[in-house]
Amino acid sequence: MPTSILITGAGGFVGQELTAALLNTTPPDTTLTITDVTSAPTIPTSASKHASRVTSIQTDLTSYKAVDSLIDPSSTPPRRYDVVYIIHGIMSSGSEANFDLGMSVNLFATQYILDRLRRTMPGVKVVYTSSLAVYGPTAPGFVITERNMPQMPTSSYGMEKMVIELLLNDYSRRGFLDGRAVRLPTVTVRAGAPTQAASSFASGILREPLNGVSSVLPVKKETELWICSPYTVVKNLIHAKDVPKEAFGDSRSVNLPGIKVSVQEMLDVLEEVGGREKRALVEEKYDADIDRIVQGWSPNFDIAWAKSLGFHEDMSLLASVRRKALRTD
């Protein structure tokens, strides 16, 4: 049976990786509609042979009229979807620097998308990329599960993610949508340019030196992070759409698997893969604003619930960085 998938924010790194993976692993009758705000997203070169299955659209999701056009079963051809991936957003530092923009994109636009979906195609499957920023800081060594830690975000970004999670859970409870909110670890190593995420340095201190470019480390080397390779994150995003809704029980939110690493361990891996000259390209330059946000994120998570739902565990940091070093992006 033909399947139609919508991906918002498909011009970003995760969106591009997800687009490529879906095109390369789904049946030929699966079609994708991909959107982004600045321009129509490109079709990843690794999936270019499937270009005929893709509709790429430039659209501003803060415009209700644009969302109505994007999600419109009565249009010709009908813009009806079986699965919707909501990936767009203003990242953590960007949301903190510009409160109104973060609220407009991360909260109001996303809520309108959910409402448009429930009114025009009730029951549609929605995969929402949330964040571990929904949690606040914890006592040292405290291990978070989905049940033992209240959501008390210490950033506007985390608050916006938390609100959408609550909406998605209630919409699913009422049968409006079939939602699943997956809380991503810090995705490392991302390709492309640095982003407005406070966690951008986690990729930057590996990606840039491996490409012969200097990078700034804004936090202390003993800082610990909960990270995941892009490869595993994308596998889990694809898996998220296939988890039976009954398996979620009374909560549609899940903390995706990752690994805990310190910044020092990341630098050690950089030196092991790239040598001392690559390690020397990382400059320690403390940034109190970034550090305040990062220190609000716990690095300790129990992934038993995610594993019970069939989500994949991550590879080692060394394996992930070696995989990145072999790529040209």
C-alpha atoms as a PDB file:
ATOM      1  CA  MET A   1       0.000   0.000   0.000  1.00  0.00           C
ATOM      2  CA  PRO A   2       1.467   3.412  -0.946  1.00  0.00           C
ATOM      3  CA  THR A   3       2.765   5.505   1.942  1.00  0.00           C
ATOM      4  CA  SER A   4       3.087   9.289   2.013  1.00  0.00           C
ATOM      5  CA  ILE A   5       5.502  10.925   4.476  1.00  0.00           C
ATOM      6  CA  LEU A   6       5.923  14.605   5.390  1.00  0.00           C
ATOM      7  CA  ILE A   7       9.157  15.909   6.952  1.00  0.00           C
ATOM      8  CA  THR A   8       9.335  19.468   8.278  1.00  0.00           C
ATOM      9  CA  GLY A   9      12.779  20.964   8.768  1.00  0.00           C
ATOM     10  CA  ALA A  10      14.155  18.612   6.132  1.00  0.00           C
ATOM     11  CA  GLY A  11      16.886  21.031   5.092  1.00  0.00           C
ATOM     12  CA  GLY A  12      18.764  20.518   8.355  1.00  0.00           C
ATOM     13  CA  PHE A  13      21.293  17.804   9.000  1.00  0.00           C
ATOM     14  CA  VAL A  14      18.983  15.314  10.717  1.00  0.00           C
ATOM     15  CA  GLY A  15      16.260  15.996   8.158  1.00  0.00           C
ATOM     16  CA  GLN A  16      18.627  15.348   5.270  1.00  0.00           C
ATOM     17  CA  GLU A  17      19.923  12.133   6.826  1.00  0.00           C
ATOM     18  CA  LEU A  18      16.375  10.958   7.525  1.00  0.00           C
ATOM     19  CA  THR A  19      15.249  11.803   3.997  1.00  0.00           C
ATOM     20  CA  ALA A  20      18.082   9.786   2.487  1.00  0.00           C
ATOM     21  CA  ALA A  21      17.521   6.824   4.779  1.00  0.00           C
ATOM     22  CA  LEU A  22      13.777   6.705   4.114  1.00  0.00           C
ATOM     23  CA  LEU A  23      14.256   6.913   0.355  1.00  0.00           C
ATOM     24  CA  ASN A  24      16.881   4.175   0.407  1.00  0.00           C
ATOM     25  CA  THR A  25      14.990   1.756   2.657  1.00  0.00           C
ATOM     26  CA  THR A  26      11.279   2.147   1.883  1.00  0.00           C
ATOM     27  CA  PRO A  27       9.313   0.570  -0.996  1.00  0.00           C
ATOM     28  CA  PRO A  28       9.184   2.376  -4.361  1.00  0.00           C
ATOM     29  CA  ASP A  29       5.590   3.489  -3.762  1.00  0.00           C
ATOM     30  CA  THR A  30       6.597   5.504  -0.678  1.00  0.00           C
ATOM     31  CA  THR A  31       6.621   9.238  -1.410  1.00  0.00           C
ATOM     32  CA  LEU A  32       8.127  12.075   0.609  1.00  0.00           C
ATOM     33  CA  THR A  33       7.209  15.736   0.943  1.00  0.00           C
ATOM     34  CA  ILE A  34      10.108  17.662   2.472  1.00  0.00           C
ATOM     35  CA  THR A  35      10.011  21.282   3.617  1.00  0.00           C
ATOM     36  CA  ASP A  36      12.212  24.008   5.047  1.00  0.00           C
ATOM     37  CA  VAL A  37      11.902  27.727   5.603  1.00  0.00           C
ATOM     38  CA  THR A  38      14.820  29.310   3.731  1.00  0.00           C
ATOM     39  CA  SER A  39      14.590  27.258   0.535  1.00  0.00           C
ATOM     40  CA  ALA A  40      13.191  24.016  -0.800  1.00  0.00           C
ATOM     41  CA  PRO A  41      15.376  21.262   0.686  1.00  0.00           C
ATOM     42  CA  THR A  42      17.764  19.488  -1.615  1.00  0.00           C
ATOM     43  CA  ILE A  43      17.486  15.785  -2.231  1.00  0.00           C
ATOM     44  CA  PRO A  44      20.542  14.124  -0.643  1.00  0.00           C
ATOM     45  CA  THR A  45      23.023  12.900  -3.235  1.00  0.00           C
ATOM     46  CA  SER A  46      23.052   9.464  -1.620  1.00  0.00           C
ATOM     47  CA  ALA A  47      19.370   9.120  -2.551  1.00  0.00           C
ATOM     48  CA  SER A  48      19.290  11.121  -5.785  1.00  0.00           C
ATOM     49  CA  LYS A  49      18.136   8.107  -7.802  1.00  0.00           C
ATOM     50  CA  HIS A  50      14.832   8.360  -5.898  1.00  0.00           C
ATOM     51  CA  ALA A  51      14.258  12.029  -6.763  1.00  0.00           C
ATOM     52  CA  SER A  52      10.987  11.264  -8.552  1.00  0.00           C
ATOM     53  CA  ARG A  53       9.485  10.176  -5.228  1.00  0.00           C
ATOM     54  CA  VAL A  54      10.134  13.529  -3.546  1.00  0.00           C
ATOM     55  CA  THR A  55       8.233  16.810  -3.480  1.00  0.00           C
ATOM     56  CA  SER A  56      10.432  19.567  -2.051  1.00  0.00           C
ATOM     57  CA  ILE A  57       8.775  22.758  -0.797  1.00  0.00           C
ATOM     58  CA  GLN A  58       9.979  26.046   0.654  1.00  0.00           C
ATOM     59  CA  THR A  59       7.451  27.127   3.263  1.00  0.00           C
ATOM     60  CA  ASP A  60       7.215  29.265   6.386  1.00  0.00           C
ATOM     61  CA  LEU A  61       5.479  27.148   9.006  1.00  0.00           C
ATOM     62  CA  THR A  62       4.732  30.201  11.148  1.00  0.00           C
ATOM     63  CA  SER A  63       2.226  31.171   8.435  1.00  0.00           C
ATOM     64  CA  TYR A  64      -1.084  29.446   9.108  1.00  0.00           C
ATOM     65  CA  LYS A  65      -2.004  29.875   5.453  1.00  0.00           C
ATOM     66  CA  ALA A  66       1.176  28.066   4.424  1.00  0.00           C
ATOM     67  CA  VAL A  67       0.443  25.198   6.816  1.00  0.00           C
ATOM     68  CA  ASP A  68      -3.115  24.947   5.505  1.00  0.00           C
ATOM     69  CA  SER A  69      -1.711  24.602   1.991  1.00  0.00           C
ATOM     70  CA  LEU A  70       0.904  22.054   3.037  1.00  0.00           C
ATOM     71  CA  ILE A  71      -1.640  19.886   4.853  1.00  0.00           C
ATOM     72  CA  ASP A  72      -4.675  19.767   2.584  1.00  0.00           C
ATOM     73  CA  PRO A  73      -6.342  16.455   1.662  1.00  0.00           C
ATOM     74  CA  SER A  74      -8.746  18.280  -0.663  1.00  0.00           C
ATOM     75  CA  SER A  75      -6.039  19.821  -2.853  1.00  0.00           C
ATOM     76  CA  THR A  76      -5.029  18.480  -6.266  1.00  0.00           C
ATOM     77  CA  PRO A  77      -3.022  16.377  -5.835  1.00  0.00           C
ATOM     78  CA  PRO A  78      -4.145  15.791  -2.250  1.00  0.00           C
ATOM     79  CA  ARG A  79      -1.581  16.650   0.402  1.00  0.00           C
ATOM     80  CA  ARG A  80      -2.521  13.832   2.741  1.00  0.00           C
ATOM     81  CA  TYR A  81       0.080  11.933   4.764  1.00  0.00           C
ATOM     82  CA  ASP A  82       0.370   8.626   6.559  1.00  0.00           C
ATOM     83  CA  VAL A  83       3.371   9.702   8.645  1.00  0.00           C
ATOM     84  CA  VAL A  84       4.494  13.207   9.646  1.00  0.00           C
ATOM     85  CA  TYR A  85       7.973  13.912  11.020  1.00  0.00           C
ATOM     86  CA  ILE A  86       8.113  17.245  12.862  1.00  0.00           C
ATOM     87  CA  ILE A  87      11.820  18.123  12.942  1.00  0.00           C
ATOM     88  CA  HIS A  88      11.884  21.882  12.316  1.00  0.00           C
ATOM     89  CA  GLY A  89      12.839  24.273  15.085  1.00  0.00           C
ATOM     90  CA  ILE A  90      14.928  27.085  16.508  1.00  0.00           C
ATOM     91  CA  MET A  91      17.717  25.478  18.500  1.00  0.00           C
ATOM     92  CA  SER A  92      18.543  25.961  22.179  1.00  0.00           C
ATOM     93  CA  SER A  93      20.854  28.986  22.060  1.00  0.00           C
ATOM     94  CA  GLY A  94      18.717  30.603  19.361  1.00  0.00           C
ATOM     95  CA  SER A  95      15.567  30.152  21.436  1.00  0.00           C
ATOM     96  CA  GLU A  96      17.276  31.612  24.475  1.00  0.00           C
ATOM     97  CA  ALA A  97      18.580  34.613  22.525  1.00  0.00           C
ATOM     98  CA  ASN A  98      15.244  35.348  20.812  1.00  0.00           C
ATOM     99  CA  PHE A  99      12.309  34.283  22.967  1.00  0.00           C
ATOM    100  CA  ASP A 100       9.597  35.437  20.549  1.00  0.00           C
ATOM    101  CA  LEU A 101      11.149  33.613  17.594  1.00  0.00           C
ATOM    102  CA  GLY A 102      11.552  30.408  19.581  1.00  0.00           C
ATOM    103  CA  MET A 103       7.950  30.524  20.742  1.00  0.00           C
ATOM    104  CA  SER A 104       6.685  31.281  17.243  1.00  0.00           C
ATOM    105  CA  VAL A 105       8.544  28.428  15.557  1.00  0.00           C
ATOM    106  CA  ASN A 106       8.897  25.788  18.260  1.00  0.00           C
ATOM    107  CA  LEU A 107       5.559  26.182  20.009  1.00  0.00           C
ATOM    108  CA  PHE A 108       2.878  28.108  18.120  1.00  0.00           C
ATOM    109  CA  ALA A 109       3.708  26.821  14.623  1.00  0.00           C
ATOM    110  CA  THR A 110       4.041  23.244  15.846  1.00  0.00           C
ATOM    111  CA  GLN A 111       0.772  23.395  17.750  1.00  0.00           C
ATOM    112  CA  TYR A 112      -0.975  24.716  14.648  1.00  0.00           C
ATOM    113  CA  ILE A 113       0.458  21.831  12.605  1.00  0.00           C
ATOM    114  CA  LEU A 114      -0.905  19.342  15.147  1.00  0.00           C
ATOM    115  CA  ASP A 115      -4.302  21.031  15.088  1.00  0.00           C
ATOM    116  CA  ARG A 116      -4.380  21.119  11.298  1.00  0.00           C
ATOM    117  CA  LEU A 117      -3.523  17.416  11.197  1.00  0.00           C
ATOM    118  CA  ARG A 118      -6.164  16.398  13.733  1.00  0.00           C
ATOM    119  CA  ARG A 119      -8.843  18.318  11.855  1.00  0.00           C
ATOM    120  CA  THR A 120      -7.989  17.156   8.338  1.00  0.00           C
ATOM    121  CA  MET A 121      -6.538  13.659   8.816  1.00  0.00           C
ATOM    122  CA  PRO A 122      -7.406  12.392  12.315  1.00  0.00           C
ATOM    123  CA  GLY A 123      -5.332   9.475  13.543  1.00  0.00           C
ATOM    124  CA  VAL A 124      -2.301  10.321  11.397  1.00  0.00           C
ATOM    125  CA  LYS A 125       1.012   9.095  12.785  1.00  0.00           C
ATOM    126  CA  VAL A 126       3.238  11.927  14.069  1.00  0.00           C
ATOM    127  CA  VAL A 127       6.895  11.522  15.070  1.00  0.00           C
ATOM    128  CA  TYR A 128       8.104  14.568  16.989  1.00  0.00           C
ATOM    129  CA  THR A 129      11.773  15.179  17.706  1.00  0.00           C
ATOM    130  CA  SER A 130      11.862  16.383  21.274  1.00  0.00           C
ATOM    131  CA  SER A 131      14.890  16.932  23.477  1.00  0.00           C
ATOM    132  CA  LEU A 132      16.423  15.920  26.779  1.00  0.00           C
ATOM    133  CA  ALA A 133      16.318  19.653  27.505  1.00  0.00           C
ATOM    134  CA  VAL A 134      12.810  18.992  28.871  1.00  0.00           C
ATOM    135  CA  TYR A 135      14.617  17.911  32.041  1.00  0.00           C
ATOM    136  CA  GLY A 136      16.392  20.200  34.445  1.00  0.00           C
ATOM    137  CA  PRO A 137      19.669  19.521  36.235  1.00  0.00           C
ATOM    138  CA  THR A 138      19.929  16.495  38.514  1.00  0.00           C
ATOM    139  CA  ALA A 139      22.017  15.450  41.485  1.00  0.00           C
ATOM    140  CA  PRO A 140      25.396  13.989  40.449  1.00  0.00           C
ATOM    141  CA  GLY A 141      25.005  10.371  39.383  1.00  0.00           C
ATOM    142  CA  PHE A 142      21.196  10.432  39.296  1.00  0.00           C
ATOM    143  CA  VAL A 143      19.972   8.254  36.415  1.00  0.00           C
ATOM    144  CA  ILE A 144      16.866   9.520  34.628  1.00  0.00           C
ATOM    145  CA  THR A 145      14.060   7.282  33.428  1.00  0.00           C
ATOM    146  CA  GLU A 146      10.823   8.355  31.784  1.00  0.00           C
ATOM    147  CA  ARG A 147       9.067   7.893  35.144  1.00  0.00           C
ATOM    148  CA  ASN A 148      11.382   9.105  37.903  1.00  0.00           C
ATOM    149  CA  MET A 149      12.142  12.687  36.905  1.00  0.00           C
ATOM    150  CA  PRO A 150       9.685  15.585  36.527  1.00  0.00           C
ATOM    151  CA  GLN A 151      10.083  17.807  33.500  1.00  0.00           C
ATOM    152  CA  MET A 152      11.470  21.111  34.784  1.00  0.00           C
ATOM    153  CA  PRO A 153      13.408  22.642  31.873  1.00  0.00           C
ATOM    154  CA  THR A 154      15.890  25.429  32.528  1.00  0.00           C
ATOM    155  CA  SER A 155      15.728  26.896  29.018  1.00  0.00           C
ATOM    156  CA  SER A 156      13.013  28.304  26.780  1.00  0.00           C
ATOM    157  CA  TYR A 157      13.855  25.617  24.220  1.00  0.00           C
ATOM    158  CA  GLY A 158      13.244  22.850  26.753  1.00  0.00           C
ATOM    159  CA  MET A 159       9.991  24.470  27.853  1.00  0.00           C
ATOM    160  CA  GLU A 160       8.737  24.661  24.260  1.00  0.00           C
ATOM    161  CA  LYS A 161       9.601  21.013  23.676  1.00  0.00           C
ATOM    162  CA  MET A 162       7.868  20.007  26.913  1.00  0.00           C
ATOM    163  CA  VAL A 163       4.635  21.800  25.993  1.00  0.00           C
ATOM    164  CA  ILE A 164       4.459  20.108  22.581  1.00  0.00           C
ATOM    165  CA  GLU A 165       5.099  16.731  24.231  1.00  0.00           C
ATOM    166  CA  LEU A 166       2.143  17.313  26.544  1.00  0.00           C
ATOM    167  CA  LEU A 167      -0.082  18.335  23.646  1.00  0.00           C
ATOM    168  CA  LEU A 168       0.990  15.340  21.580  1.00  0.00           C
ATOM    169  CA  ASN A 169       0.322  12.999  24.487  1.00  0.00           C
ATOM    170  CA  ASP A 170      -3.158  14.389  25.066  1.00  0.00           C
ATOM    171  CA  TYR A 171      -4.003  14.448  21.363  1.00  0.00           C
ATOM    172  CA  SER A 172      -2.976  10.789  21.223  1.00  0.00           C
ATOM    173  CA  ARG A 173      -5.023   9.936  24.326  1.00  0.00           C
ATOM    174  CA  ARG A 174      -8.074  11.473  22.696  1.00  0.00           C
ATOM    175  CA  GLY A 175      -7.472   9.702  19.383  1.00  0.00           C
ATOM    176  CA  PHE A 176      -6.840  12.924  17.470  1.00  0.00           C
ATOM    177  CA  LEU A 177      -3.386  11.736  16.383  1.00  0.00           C
ATOM    178  CA  ASP A 178      -1.062   8.768  16.827  1.00  0.00           C
ATOM    179  CA  GLY A 179       1.905  10.613  18.301  1.00  0.00           C
ATOM    180  CA  ARG A 180       5.310   9.597  19.517  1.00  0.00           C
ATOM    181  CA  ALA A 181       7.808  12.107  20.956  1.00  0.00           C
ATOM    182  CA  VAL A 182      11.404  10.925  20.811  1.00  0.00           C
ATOM    183  CA  ARG A 183      13.879  12.817  22.991  1.00  0.00           C
ATOM    184  CA  LEU A 184      17.113  12.983  21.052  1.00  0.00           C
ATOM    185  CA  PRO A 185      20.516  12.905  22.712  1.00  0.00           C
ATOM    186  CA  THR A 186      23.063  15.420  21.442  1.00  0.00           C
ATOM    187  CA  VAL A 187      23.695  14.239  17.870  1.00  0.00           C
ATOM    188  CA  THR A 188      27.443  13.835  17.414  1.00  0.00           C
ATOM    189  CA  VAL A 189      29.143  14.123  14.938  1.00  0.00           C
ATOM    190  CA  ARG A 190      26.844  16.277  12.799  1.00  0.00           C
ATOM    191  CA  ALA A 191      27.925  17.220   9.310  1.00  0.00           C
ATOM    192  CA  GLY A 192      27.746  20.750   7.954  1.00  0.00           C
ATOM    193  CA  ALA A 193      28.239  24.126   9.574  1.00  0.00           C
ATOM    194  CA  PRO A 194      27.852  24.918  13.291  1.00  0.00           C
ATOM    195  CA  THR A 195      24.281  25.575  14.434  1.00  0.00           C
ATOM    196  CA  GLN A 196      22.590  27.763  17.051  1.00  0.00           C
ATOM    197  CA  ALA A 197      22.326  24.800  19.407  1.00  0.00           C
ATOM    198  CA  ALA A 198      24.223  25.182  22.675  1.00  0.00           C
ATOM    199  CA  SER A 199      25.469  21.659  22.019  1.00  0.00           C
ATOM    200  CA  SER A 200      26.921  22.597  18.628  1.00  0.00           C
ATOM    201  CA  PHE A 201      30.439  22.446  20.061  1.00  0.00           C
ATOM    202  CA  ALA A 202      30.043  18.699  20.678  1.00  0.00           C
ATOM    203  CA  SER A 203      30.226  18.118  16.942  1.00  0.00           C
ATOM    204  CA  GLY A 204      32.432  21.124  16.246  1.00  0.00           C
ATOM    205  CA  ILE A 205      35.370  19.989  18.389  1.00  0.00           C
ATOM    206  CA  LEU A 206      35.494  16.787  16.342  1.00  0.00           C
ATOM    207  CA  ARG A 207      34.222  17.764  12.888  1.00  0.00           C
ATOM    208  CA  GLU A 208      36.232  20.929  12.351  1.00  0.00           C
ATOM    209  CA  PRO A 209      39.631  19.562  13.438  1.00  0.00           C
ATOM    210  CA  LEU A 210      39.134  16.432  11.338  1.00  0.00           C
ATOM    211  CA  ASN A 211      38.628  18.808   8.401  1.00  0.00           C
ATOM    212  CA  GLY A 212      41.728  20.799   9.329  1.00  0.00           C
ATOM    213  CA  VAL A 213      39.789  23.740  10.787  1.00  0.00           C
ATOM    214  CA  SER A 214      40.113  25.196  14.293  1.00  0.00           C
ATOM    215  CA  SER A 215      37.234  24.928  16.760  1.00  0.00           C
ATOM    216  CA  VAL A 216      36.298  26.488  20.099  1.00  0.00           C
ATOM    217  CA  LEU A 217      35.481  24.499  23.243  1.00  0.00           C
ATOM    218  CA  PRO A 218      33.155  26.682  25.387  1.00  0.00           C
ATOM    219  CA  VAL A 219      32.762  24.339  28.390  1.00  0.00           C
ATOM    220  CA  LYS A 220      35.086  22.573  30.808  1.00  0.00           C
ATOM    221  CA  LYS A 221      36.723  19.323  29.740  1.00  0.00           C
ATOM    222  CA  GLU A 222      35.175  17.402  32.634  1.00  0.00           C
ATOM    223  CA  THR A 223      31.676  18.219  31.326  1.00  0.00           C
ATOM    224  CA  GLU A 224      29.727  15.034  30.593  1.00  0.00           C
ATOM    225  CA  LEU A 225      27.235  14.715  27.742  1.00  0.00           C
ATOM    226  CA  TRP A 226      24.602  12.222  26.578  1.00  0.00           C
ATOM    227  CA  ILE A 227      25.263  11.824  22.858  1.00  0.00           C
ATOM    228  CA  CYS A 228      24.333   9.604  19.934  1.00  0.00           C
ATOM    229  CA  SER A 229      25.740   9.081  16.465  1.00  0.00           C
ATOM    230  CA  PRO A 230      23.720  10.403  13.502  1.00  0.00           C
ATOM    231  CA  TYR A 231      23.509   6.872  12.097  1.00  0.00           C
ATOM    232  CA  THR A 232      21.762   5.517  15.200  1.00  0.00           C
ATOM    233  CA  VAL A 233      19.522   8.568  15.617  1.00  0.00           C
ATOM    234  CA  VAL A 234      18.196   8.147  12.080  1.00  0.00           C
ATOM    235  CA  LYS A 235      17.649   4.411  12.562  1.00  0.00           C
ATOM    236  CA  ASN A 236      15.631   5.203  15.665  1.00  0.00           C
ATOM    237  CA  LEU A 237      13.612   7.927  13.956  1.00  0.00           C
ATOM    238  CA  ILE A 238      12.611   5.419  11.302  1.00  0.00           C
ATOM    239  CA  HIS A 239      11.822   2.817  13.948  1.00  0.00           C
ATOM    240  CA  ALA A 240       9.668   5.317  15.851  1.00  0.00           C
ATOM    241  CA  LYS A 241       7.006   5.274  13.139  1.00  0.00           C
ATOM    242  CA  ASP A 242       6.768   1.485  13.310  1.00  0.00           C
ATOM    243  CA  VAL A 243       6.270   1.044  17.067  1.00  0.00           C
ATOM    244  CA  PRO A 244       2.674  -0.122  17.688  1.00  0.00           C
ATOM    245  CA  LYS A 245       0.773   2.646  19.428  1.00  0.00           C
ATOM    246  CA  GLU A 246      -0.441   0.207  22.073  1.00  0.00           C
ATOM    247  CA  ALA A 247       3.158  -0.363  23.190  1.00  0.00           C
ATOM    248  CA  PHE A 248       3.495   3.190  24.498  1.00  0.00           C
ATOM    249  CA  GLY A 249       0.891   2.831  27.219  1.00  0.00           C
ATOM    250  CA  ASP A 250      -0.091   6.122  28.847  1.00  0.00           C
ATOM    251  CA  SER A 251       2.920   8.142  27.669  1.00  0.00           C
ATOM    252  CA  ARG A 252       4.042   8.809  24.115  1.00  0.00           C
ATOM    253  CA  SER A 253       7.482  10.162  25.117  1.00  0.00           C
ATOM    254  CA  VAL A 254      10.682   8.120  25.119  1.00  0.00           C
ATOM    255  CA  ASN A 255      14.322   8.930  25.846  1.00  0.00           C
ATOM    256  CA  LEU A 256      16.303   7.598  22.899  1.00  0.00           C
ATOM    257  CA  PRO A 257      19.450   5.537  23.526  1.00  0.00           C
ATOM    258  CA  GLY A 258      22.816   7.245  23.654  1.00  0.00           C
ATOM    259  CA  ILE A 259      26.164   7.019  25.386  1.00  0.00           C
ATOM    260  CA  LYS A 260      27.662   9.110  28.182  1.00  0.00           C
ATOM    261  CA  VAL A 261      31.008  10.724  27.390  1.00  0.00           C
ATOM    262  CA  SER A 262      33.090  13.504  28.865  1.00  0.00           C
ATOM    263  CA  VAL A 263      34.514  16.281  26.730  1.00  0.00           C
ATOM    264  CA  GLN A 264      37.961  14.987  27.681  1.00  0.00           C
ATOM    265  CA  GLU A 265      37.063  11.568  26.260  1.00  0.00           C
ATOM    266  CA  MET A 266      35.919  13.266  23.058  1.00  0.00           C
ATOM    267  CA  LEU A 267      39.246  15.058  22.756  1.00  0.00           C
ATOM    268  CA  ASP A 268      41.097  11.804  23.403  1.00  0.00           C
ATOM    269  CA  VAL A 269      39.165  10.123  20.588  1.00  0.00           C
ATOM    270  CA  LEU A 270      39.912  13.061  18.303  1.00  0.00           C
ATOM    271  CA  GLU A 271      43.620  12.613  18.965  1.00  0.00           C
ATOM    272  CA  GLU A 272      43.407   8.840  18.469  1.00  0.00           C
ATOM    273  CA  VAL A 273      41.687   9.225  15.100  1.00  0.00           C
ATOM    274  CA  GLY A 274      43.303  12.412  13.814  1.00  0.00           C
ATOM    275  CA  GLY A 275      46.575  12.727  15.684  1.00  0.00           C
ATOM    276  CA  ARG A 276      48.020  15.438  17.914  1.00  0.00           C
ATOM    277  CA  GLU A 277      47.925  18.061  15.183  1.00  0.00           C
ATOM    278  CA  LYS A 278      44.131  17.707  14.943  1.00  0.00           C
ATOM    279  CA  ARG A 279      43.748  17.850  18.721  1.00  0.00           C
ATOM    280  CA  ALA A 280      45.771  21.062  18.770  1.00  0.00           C
ATOM    281  CA  LEU A 281      43.110  22.760  16.625  1.00  0.00           C
ATOM    282  CA  VAL A 282      40.679  22.843  19.580  1.00  0.00           C
ATOM    283  CA  GLU A 283      40.888  26.102  21.532  1.00  0.00           C
ATOM    284  CA  GLU A 284      39.490  26.232  25.066  1.00  0.00           C
ATOM    285  CA  LYS A 285      37.458  29.438  25.387  1.00  0.00           C
ATOM    286  CA  TYR A 286      34.895  29.361  28.186  1.00  0.00           C
ATOM    287  CA  ASP A 287      31.417  30.751  27.444  1.00  0.00           C
ATOM    288  CA  ALA A 288      29.277  31.177  30.556  1.00  0.00           C
ATOM    289  CA  ASP A 289      25.990  31.399  28.614  1.00  0.00           C
ATOM    290  CA  ILE A 290      26.561  28.145  26.764  1.00  0.00           C
ATOM    291  CA  ASP A 291      27.890  26.415  29.871  1.00  0.00           C
ATOM    292  CA  ARG A 292      24.799  27.419  31.868  1.00  0.00           C
ATOM    293  CA  ILE A 293      22.542  25.752  29.305  1.00  0.00           C
ATOM    294  CA  VAL A 294      24.698  22.643  28.959  1.00  0.00           C
ATOM    295  CA  GLN A 295      25.007  22.136  32.722  1.00  0.00           C
ATOM    296  CA  GLY A 296      21.206  21.925  32.854  1.00  0.00           C
ATOM    297  CA  TRP A 297      21.327  18.692  30.840  1.00  0.00           C
ATOM    298  CA  SER A 298      21.811  15.398  32.639  1.00  0.00           C
ATOM    299  CA  PRO A 299      24.261  12.909  31.062  1.00  0.00           C
ATOM    300  CA  ASN A 300      22.739   9.886  32.830  1.00  0.00           C
ATOM    301  CA  PHE A 301      19.820   7.994  31.303  1.00  0.00           C
ATOM    302  CA  ASP A 302      18.352   4.535  31.728  1.00  0.00           C
ATOM    303  CA  ILE A 303      17.330   3.302  28.274  1.00  0.00           C
ATOM    304  CA  ALA A 304      15.456   0.165  29.356  1.00  0.00           C
ATOM    305  CA  TRP A 305      12.117   1.582  28.175  1.00  0.00           C
ATOM    306  CA  ALA A 306      13.506   2.544  24.774  1.00  0.00           C
ATOM    307  CA  LYS A 307      15.075  -0.897  24.351  1.00  0.00           C
ATOM    308  CA  SER A 308      11.790  -2.585  25.267  1.00  0.00           C
ATOM    309  CA  LEU A 309      10.165  -0.643  22.417  1.00  0.00           C
ATOM    310  CA  GLY A 310      12.802  -1.901  19.994  1.00  0.00           C
ATOM    311  CA  PHE A 311      14.950   1.213  19.691  1.00  0.00           C
ATOM    312  CA  HIS A 312      18.594   0.642  18.796  1.00  0.00           C
ATOM    313  CA  GLU A 313      21.570   1.149  21.096  1.00  0.00           C
ATOM    314  CA  ASP A 314      24.392   3.373  19.882  1.00  0.00           C
ATOM    315  CA  MET A 315      27.902   2.514  18.765  1.00  0.00           C
ATOM    316  CA  SER A 316      30.989   3.646  20.663  1.00  0.00           C
ATOM    317  CA  LEU A 317      32.252   7.201  20.262  1.00  0.00           C
ATOM    318  CA  LEU A 318      35.436   5.898  18.667  1.00  0.00           C
ATOM    319  CA  ALA A 319      33.457   3.927  16.076  1.00  0.00           C
ATOM    320  CA  SER A 320      31.251   6.944  15.374  1.00  0.00           C
ATOM    321  CA  VAL A 321      34.187   9.326  14.893  1.00  0.00           C
ATOM    322  CA  ARG A 322      36.011   6.854  12.679  1.00  0.00           C
ATOM    323  CA  ARG A 323      32.842   6.519  10.608  1.00  0.00           C
ATOM    324  CA  LYS A 324      32.684  10.308  10.313  1.00  0.00           C
ATOM    325  CA  ALA A 325      36.373  10.540   9.364  1.00  0.00           C
ATOM    326  CA  LEU A 326      35.732   8.247   6.401  1.00  0.00           C
ATOM    327  CA  ARG A 327      32.967  10.515   5.053  1.00  0.00           C
ATOM    328  CA  THR A 328      33.572  13.562   2.892  1.00  0.00           C
ATOM    329  CA  ASP A 329      30.889  15.846   4.443  1.00  0.00           C
END
